[in-house]
Amino acid sequence: MISFIKIAWQTFKVFILFTGCTILFYYGIMWVSEEYQNYHRYDGPEGAALKVSNAANEDNSSLLDRLMLFYLNGE
């Protein structure tokens, strides 16, 4: 009978430890998710930003030129 109580007590302690770690992990993930939910990735640049390429603004480029540029860049 004493052995059963010891085993039950050890099982209860493991259960409490597992539950505590699960709750801690859940709230940690929720905290990280909330932090990045308010992060605006697609805002316009601030300050002295430079325009890197004007390839998208060229209206006189043909479909073949655009395709060759695509293959040459390897993208």
C-alpha atoms as a PDB file:
ATOM      1  CA  MET A   1       0.000   0.000   0.000  1.00  0.00           C
ATOM      2  CA  ILE A   2       2.850   2.389   0.790  1.00  0.00           C
ATOM      3  CA  SER A   3       4.412   1.617  -2.594  1.00  0.00           C
ATOM      4  CA  PHE A   4       1.186   2.544  -4.380  1.00  0.00           C
ATOM      5  CA  ILE A   5       1.011   5.886  -2.551  1.00  0.00           C
ATOM      6  CA  LYS A   6       4.631   6.663  -3.460  1.00  0.00           C
ATOM      7  CA  ILE A   7       4.024   5.855  -7.102  1.00  0.00           C
ATOM      8  CA  ALA A   8       0.822   7.927  -7.134  1.00  0.00           C
ATOM      9  CA  TRP A   9       2.657  10.873  -5.490  1.00  0.00           C
ATOM     10  CA  GLN A  10       5.509  10.673  -8.052  1.00  0.00           C
ATOM     11  CA  THR A  11       2.983  10.511 -10.903  1.00  0.00           C
ATOM     12  CA  PHE A  12       1.126  13.525  -9.492  1.00  0.00           C
ATOM     13  CA  LYS A  13       4.382  15.519  -9.263  1.00  0.00           C
ATOM     14  CA  VAL A  14       5.255  14.691 -12.880  1.00  0.00           C
ATOM     15  CA  PHE A  15       1.741  15.659 -13.954  1.00  0.00           C
ATOM     16  CA  ILE A  16       1.986  19.009 -12.147  1.00  0.00           C
ATOM     17  CA  LEU A  17       5.435  19.666 -13.654  1.00  0.00           C
ATOM     18  CA  PHE A  18       4.191  18.801 -17.161  1.00  0.00           C
ATOM     19  CA  THR A  19       1.092  20.976 -16.768  1.00  0.00           C
ATOM     20  CA  GLY A  20       3.145  23.899 -15.460  1.00  0.00           C
ATOM     21  CA  CYS A  21       5.634  23.683 -18.308  1.00  0.00           C
ATOM     22  CA  THR A  22       2.833  23.429 -20.859  1.00  0.00           C
ATOM     23  CA  ILE A  23       1.110  26.517 -19.481  1.00  0.00           C
ATOM     24  CA  LEU A  24       4.407  28.422 -19.392  1.00  0.00           C
ATOM     25  CA  PHE A  25       5.154  27.439 -23.001  1.00  0.00           C
ATOM     26  CA  TYR A  26       1.639  28.413 -24.133  1.00  0.00           C
ATOM     27  CA  TYR A  27       1.812  31.875 -22.580  1.00  0.00           C
ATOM     28  CA  GLY A  28       5.335  32.334 -23.942  1.00  0.00           C
ATOM     29  CA  ILE A  29       4.129  31.588 -27.463  1.00  0.00           C
ATOM     30  CA  MET A  30       1.157  33.916 -26.990  1.00  0.00           C
ATOM     31  CA  TRP A  31       3.491  36.700 -25.791  1.00  0.00           C
ATOM     32  CA  VAL A  32       5.801  36.311 -28.812  1.00  0.00           C
ATOM     33  CA  SER A  33       2.809  36.182 -31.153  1.00  0.00           C
ATOM     34  CA  GLU A  34       1.385  39.389 -29.685  1.00  0.00           C
ATOM     35  CA  GLU A  35       4.761  41.130 -29.952  1.00  0.00           C
ATOM     36  CA  TYR A  36       5.057  40.373 -33.668  1.00  0.00           C
ATOM     37  CA  GLN A  37       1.396  40.950 -34.444  1.00  0.00           C
ATOM     38  CA  ASN A  38       1.890  44.691 -33.955  1.00  0.00           C
ATOM     39  CA  TYR A  39       5.097  44.743 -36.024  1.00  0.00           C
ATOM     40  CA  HIS A  40       4.408  46.474 -39.337  1.00  0.00           C
ATOM     41  CA  ARG A  41       6.673  44.793 -41.878  1.00  0.00           C
ATOM     42  CA  TYR A  42       5.355  46.577 -44.939  1.00  0.00           C
ATOM     43  CA  ASP A  43       5.539  50.180 -43.799  1.00  0.00           C
ATOM     44  CA  GLY A  44       7.314  52.592 -46.069  1.00  0.00           C
ATOM     45  CA  PRO A  45      10.961  53.270 -45.295  1.00  0.00           C
ATOM     46  CA  GLU A  46      11.761  56.202 -43.054  1.00  0.00           C
ATOM     47  CA  GLY A  47      14.692  58.524 -43.412  1.00  0.00           C
ATOM     48  CA  ALA A  48      17.072  58.755 -46.368  1.00  0.00           C
ATOM     49  CA  ALA A  49      16.044  55.614 -48.260  1.00  0.00           C
ATOM     50  CA  LEU A  50      17.510  55.058 -51.716  1.00  0.00           C
ATOM     51  CA  LYS A  51      15.803  53.553 -54.732  1.00  0.00           C
ATOM     52  CA  VAL A  52      17.789  50.470 -55.675  1.00  0.00           C
ATOM     53  CA  SER A  53      16.327  49.516 -59.024  1.00  0.00           C
ATOM     54  CA  ASN A  54      14.120  51.096 -61.616  1.00  0.00           C
ATOM     55  CA  ALA A  55      13.537  47.915 -63.657  1.00  0.00           C
ATOM     56  CA  ALA A  56       9.878  47.774 -62.615  1.00  0.00           C
ATOM     57  CA  ASN A  57       9.224  51.275 -63.976  1.00  0.00           C
ATOM     58  CA  GLU A  58      10.467  50.600 -67.502  1.00  0.00           C
ATOM     59  CA  ASP A  59       7.409  50.547 -69.749  1.00  0.00           C
ATOM     60  CA  ASN A  60       9.333  49.910 -72.969  1.00  0.00           C
ATOM     61  CA  SER A  61      10.692  46.491 -71.945  1.00  0.00           C
ATOM     62  CA  SER A  62       9.187  43.549 -73.753  1.00  0.00           C
ATOM     63  CA  LEU A  63       8.080  40.268 -72.266  1.00  0.00           C
ATOM     64  CA  LEU A  64      11.169  38.558 -73.704  1.00  0.00           C
ATOM     65  CA  ASP A  65      13.469  41.126 -72.060  1.00  0.00           C
ATOM     66  CA  ARG A  66      11.760  40.613 -68.722  1.00  0.00           C
ATOM     67  CA  LEU A  67      11.999  36.821 -69.088  1.00  0.00           C
ATOM     68  CA  MET A  68      15.721  36.997 -69.943  1.00  0.00           C
ATOM     69  CA  LEU A  69      16.309  39.268 -66.933  1.00  0.00           C
ATOM     70  CA  PHE A  70      14.473  36.730 -64.788  1.00  0.00           C
ATOM     71  CA  TYR A  71      16.659  33.848 -66.048  1.00  0.00           C
ATOM     72  CA  LEU A  72      19.896  35.843 -65.831  1.00  0.00           C
ATOM     73  CA  ASN A  73      19.286  36.763 -62.203  1.00  0.00           C
ATOM     74  CA  GLY A  74      18.539  33.148 -61.363  1.00  0.00           C
ATOM     75  CA  GLU A  75      15.362  33.889 -59.520  1.00  0.00           C
END
